[in-house]
Amino acid sequence: MCVCVCIRACVWFQEHDEACQGGVARMSIRMGDIRRGAAQAISHPSRGLKKDCGVILENMKKDWGVILENMKQFSEAAQLYEKGQYYDKAASVYIRCKNWSKVGELLPQVSSPKIHLQYAKAKEVDGK
């Protein structure tokens, strides 16, 4: 009986800690500590957290403009999508960064014909 209660408590505390860490990651990004938040999200086991933080980073560009462009939040957002296995979204954000080498690496996992077409057009322009 005592062992069962201890195991349940340990599981609850672990889930609670993971939820708190996810909140810290999201709020770090929202408060401008993008590197810390992105690092926490990447190391966190939750795939959903990676997507949430990627969306936050991507949308911040609309709000903060040039400041966040210089902080390269698109690249970090794409890394989060990639780690979360959202390959189409990661490739789409890498395209916005014009990081064609990363798009090329992700292409085998990308299912969107639009992304394949954009990549092909970019390679044509480069003459490769």
C-alpha atoms as a PDB file:
ATOM      1  CA  MET A   1       0.000   0.000   0.000  1.00  0.00           C
ATOM      2  CA  CYS A   2       2.716   2.456   0.986  1.00  0.00           C
ATOM      3  CA  VAL A   3       4.824   1.670  -2.102  1.00  0.00           C
ATOM      4  CA  CYS A   4       1.833   2.222  -4.408  1.00  0.00           C
ATOM      5  CA  VAL A   5       1.119   5.629  -2.856  1.00  0.00           C
ATOM      6  CA  CYS A   6       4.788   6.639  -3.162  1.00  0.00           C
ATOM      7  CA  ILE A   7       4.917   5.627  -6.831  1.00  0.00           C
ATOM      8  CA  ARG A   8       1.742   7.588  -7.604  1.00  0.00           C
ATOM      9  CA  ALA A   9       3.141  10.635  -5.796  1.00  0.00           C
ATOM     10  CA  CYS A  10       6.423  10.397  -7.715  1.00  0.00           C
ATOM     11  CA  VAL A  11       4.577  10.182 -11.045  1.00  0.00           C
ATOM     12  CA  TRP A  12       2.382  13.121 -10.111  1.00  0.00           C
ATOM     13  CA  PHE A  13       5.398  15.231  -9.117  1.00  0.00           C
ATOM     14  CA  GLN A  14       7.185  14.335 -12.362  1.00  0.00           C
ATOM     15  CA  GLU A  15       4.158  15.342 -14.453  1.00  0.00           C
ATOM     16  CA  HIS A  16       3.819  18.514 -12.387  1.00  0.00           C
ATOM     17  CA  ASP A  17       7.506  19.369 -12.873  1.00  0.00           C
ATOM     18  CA  GLU A  18       7.235  18.813 -16.643  1.00  0.00           C
ATOM     19  CA  ALA A  19       4.152  21.051 -16.825  1.00  0.00           C
ATOM     20  CA  CYS A  20       5.976  23.772 -14.875  1.00  0.00           C
ATOM     21  CA  GLN A  21       9.061  23.483 -17.085  1.00  0.00           C
ATOM     22  CA  GLY A  22       6.833  23.842 -20.146  1.00  0.00           C
ATOM     23  CA  GLY A  23       5.295  27.002 -18.686  1.00  0.00           C
ATOM     24  CA  VAL A  24       8.733  28.416 -17.930  1.00  0.00           C
ATOM     25  CA  ALA A  25       9.842  27.712 -21.512  1.00  0.00           C
ATOM     26  CA  ARG A  26       6.780  29.467 -22.997  1.00  0.00           C
ATOM     27  CA  MET A  27       7.048  32.473 -20.687  1.00  0.00           C
ATOM     28  CA  SER A  28      10.800  32.797 -21.200  1.00  0.00           C
ATOM     29  CA  ILE A  29      10.175  33.152 -24.921  1.00  0.00           C
ATOM     30  CA  ARG A  30       7.304  35.596 -24.418  1.00  0.00           C
ATOM     31  CA  MET A  31       9.409  37.716 -22.055  1.00  0.00           C
ATOM     32  CA  GLY A  32      12.283  37.907 -24.528  1.00  0.00           C
ATOM     33  CA  ASP A  33      14.651  35.272 -23.124  1.00  0.00           C
ATOM     34  CA  ILE A  34      14.358  33.347 -26.368  1.00  0.00           C
ATOM     35  CA  ARG A  35      17.523  31.289 -26.078  1.00  0.00           C
ATOM     36  CA  ARG A  36      16.607  29.987 -22.627  1.00  0.00           C
ATOM     37  CA  GLY A  37      13.010  29.204 -23.607  1.00  0.00           C
ATOM     38  CA  ALA A  38      14.001  27.501 -26.852  1.00  0.00           C
ATOM     39  CA  ALA A  39      16.666  25.434 -25.084  1.00  0.00           C
ATOM     40  CA  GLN A  40      14.169  24.304 -22.448  1.00  0.00           C
ATOM     41  CA  ALA A  41      11.586  23.404 -25.069  1.00  0.00           C
ATOM     42  CA  ILE A  42      14.115  21.429 -27.116  1.00  0.00           C
ATOM     43  CA  SER A  43      15.216  19.412 -24.083  1.00  0.00           C
ATOM     44  CA  HIS A  44      11.618  18.843 -22.882  1.00  0.00           C
ATOM     45  CA  PRO A  45       9.989  15.506 -23.798  1.00  0.00           C
ATOM     46  CA  SER A  46       6.709  17.082 -24.954  1.00  0.00           C
ATOM     47  CA  ARG A  47       6.241  17.306 -28.704  1.00  0.00           C
ATOM     48  CA  GLY A  48       3.321  19.689 -28.193  1.00  0.00           C
ATOM     49  CA  LEU A  49       5.492  22.117 -26.216  1.00  0.00           C
ATOM     50  CA  LYS A  50       7.965  22.271 -29.087  1.00  0.00           C
ATOM     51  CA  LYS A  51       5.142  23.165 -31.457  1.00  0.00           C
ATOM     52  CA  ASP A  52       3.696  25.771 -29.063  1.00  0.00           C
ATOM     53  CA  CYS A  53       7.059  27.472 -28.620  1.00  0.00           C
ATOM     54  CA  GLY A  54       7.684  27.375 -32.368  1.00  0.00           C
ATOM     55  CA  VAL A  55       4.359  29.108 -32.987  1.00  0.00           C
ATOM     56  CA  ILE A  56       5.142  31.728 -30.323  1.00  0.00           C
ATOM     57  CA  LEU A  57       8.553  32.427 -31.859  1.00  0.00           C
ATOM     58  CA  GLU A  58       7.176  32.597 -35.370  1.00  0.00           C
ATOM     59  CA  ASN A  59       4.376  34.978 -34.391  1.00  0.00           C
ATOM     60  CA  MET A  60       6.706  37.245 -32.433  1.00  0.00           C
ATOM     61  CA  LYS A  61       8.216  38.325 -35.752  1.00  0.00           C
ATOM     62  CA  LYS A  62       4.967  40.059 -36.588  1.00  0.00           C
ATOM     63  CA  ASP A  63       5.031  41.987 -33.321  1.00  0.00           C
ATOM     64  CA  TRP A  64       8.672  42.874 -32.855  1.00  0.00           C
ATOM     65  CA  GLY A  65       9.805  43.219 -36.444  1.00  0.00           C
ATOM     66  CA  VAL A  66      13.439  44.048 -37.015  1.00  0.00           C
ATOM     67  CA  ILE A  67      14.536  43.513 -33.390  1.00  0.00           C
ATOM     68  CA  LEU A  68      13.591  39.840 -33.408  1.00  0.00           C
ATOM     69  CA  GLU A  69      14.780  39.371 -36.960  1.00  0.00           C
ATOM     70  CA  ASN A  70      18.248  40.284 -35.690  1.00  0.00           C
ATOM     71  CA  MET A  71      17.791  37.764 -32.853  1.00  0.00           C
ATOM     72  CA  LYS A  72      17.107  35.075 -35.476  1.00  0.00           C
ATOM     73  CA  GLN A  73      13.978  33.733 -33.854  1.00  0.00           C
ATOM     74  CA  PHE A  74      12.844  32.143 -37.140  1.00  0.00           C
ATOM     75  CA  SER A  75      15.803  29.826 -37.037  1.00  0.00           C
ATOM     76  CA  GLU A  76      15.035  28.855 -33.448  1.00  0.00           C
ATOM     77  CA  ALA A  77      11.355  28.359 -34.274  1.00  0.00           C
ATOM     78  CA  ALA A  78      12.309  26.082 -37.153  1.00  0.00           C
ATOM     79  CA  GLN A  79      14.623  24.084 -34.876  1.00  0.00           C
ATOM     80  CA  LEU A  80      11.766  23.557 -32.432  1.00  0.00           C
ATOM     81  CA  TYR A  81       9.454  22.386 -35.211  1.00  0.00           C
ATOM     82  CA  GLU A  82      12.149  20.058 -36.481  1.00  0.00           C
ATOM     83  CA  LYS A  83      12.805  18.581 -33.017  1.00  0.00           C
ATOM     84  CA  GLY A  84       9.049  18.121 -32.614  1.00  0.00           C
ATOM     85  CA  GLN A  85       8.945  16.275 -35.959  1.00  0.00           C
ATOM     86  CA  TYR A  86       6.740  18.910 -37.617  1.00  0.00           C
ATOM     87  CA  TYR A  87       8.845  18.717 -40.758  1.00  0.00           C
ATOM     88  CA  ASP A  88       6.528  20.615 -43.116  1.00  0.00           C
ATOM     89  CA  LYS A  89       6.283  23.524 -40.674  1.00  0.00           C
ATOM     90  CA  ALA A  90      10.051  23.475 -40.024  1.00  0.00           C
ATOM     91  CA  ALA A  91      10.806  23.536 -43.740  1.00  0.00           C
ATOM     92  CA  SER A  92       8.328  26.367 -44.264  1.00  0.00           C
ATOM     93  CA  VAL A  93      10.034  28.484 -41.588  1.00  0.00           C
ATOM     94  CA  TYR A  94      13.503  27.622 -42.938  1.00  0.00           C
ATOM     95  CA  ILE A  95      12.282  28.848 -46.334  1.00  0.00           C
ATOM     96  CA  ARG A  96      11.336  32.164 -44.712  1.00  0.00           C
ATOM     97  CA  CYS A  97      14.922  32.331 -43.393  1.00  0.00           C
ATOM     98  CA  LYS A  98      16.226  31.328 -46.823  1.00  0.00           C
ATOM     99  CA  ASN A  99      18.125  28.496 -45.159  1.00  0.00           C
ATOM    100  CA  TRP A 100      18.036  26.265 -48.232  1.00  0.00           C
ATOM    101  CA  SER A 101      20.521  23.717 -46.898  1.00  0.00           C
ATOM    102  CA  LYS A 102      18.224  22.895 -43.950  1.00  0.00           C
ATOM    103  CA  VAL A 103      15.222  22.728 -46.287  1.00  0.00           C
ATOM    104  CA  GLY A 104      17.184  20.266 -48.433  1.00  0.00           C
ATOM    105  CA  GLU A 105      17.941  18.104 -45.390  1.00  0.00           C
ATOM    106  CA  LEU A 106      14.275  18.009 -44.394  1.00  0.00           C
ATOM    107  CA  LEU A 107      12.915  17.453 -47.903  1.00  0.00           C
ATOM    108  CA  PRO A 108      12.661  13.631 -47.632  1.00  0.00           C
ATOM    109  CA  GLN A 109      10.290  14.050 -44.641  1.00  0.00           C
ATOM    110  CA  VAL A 110       8.287  16.917 -46.152  1.00  0.00           C
ATOM    111  CA  SER A 111       4.934  15.978 -47.667  1.00  0.00           C
ATOM    112  CA  SER A 112       3.874  19.415 -48.977  1.00  0.00           C
ATOM    113  CA  PRO A 113       4.270  19.818 -52.763  1.00  0.00           C
ATOM    114  CA  LYS A 114       4.347  23.603 -52.257  1.00  0.00           C
ATOM    115  CA  ILE A 115       7.537  23.335 -50.184  1.00  0.00           C
ATOM    116  CA  HIS A 116       9.138  21.013 -52.750  1.00  0.00           C
ATOM    117  CA  LEU A 117       8.290  23.520 -55.480  1.00  0.00           C
ATOM    118  CA  GLN A 118       9.704  26.489 -53.547  1.00  0.00           C
ATOM    119  CA  TYR A 119      12.920  24.559 -52.925  1.00  0.00           C
ATOM    120  CA  ALA A 120      13.221  23.592 -56.600  1.00  0.00           C
ATOM    121  CA  LYS A 121      12.701  27.203 -57.713  1.00  0.00           C
ATOM    122  CA  ALA A 122      15.340  28.445 -55.258  1.00  0.00           C
ATOM    123  CA  LYS A 123      17.844  25.865 -56.511  1.00  0.00           C
ATOM    124  CA  GLU A 124      17.090  26.848 -60.107  1.00  0.00           C
ATOM    125  CA  VAL A 125      17.837  30.484 -59.313  1.00  0.00           C
ATOM    126  CA  ASP A 126      21.121  29.429 -57.664  1.00  0.00           C
ATOM    127  CA  GLY A 127      21.947  27.399 -60.765  1.00  0.00           C
ATOM    128  CA  LYS A 128      22.315  24.154 -58.832  1.00  0.00           C
END
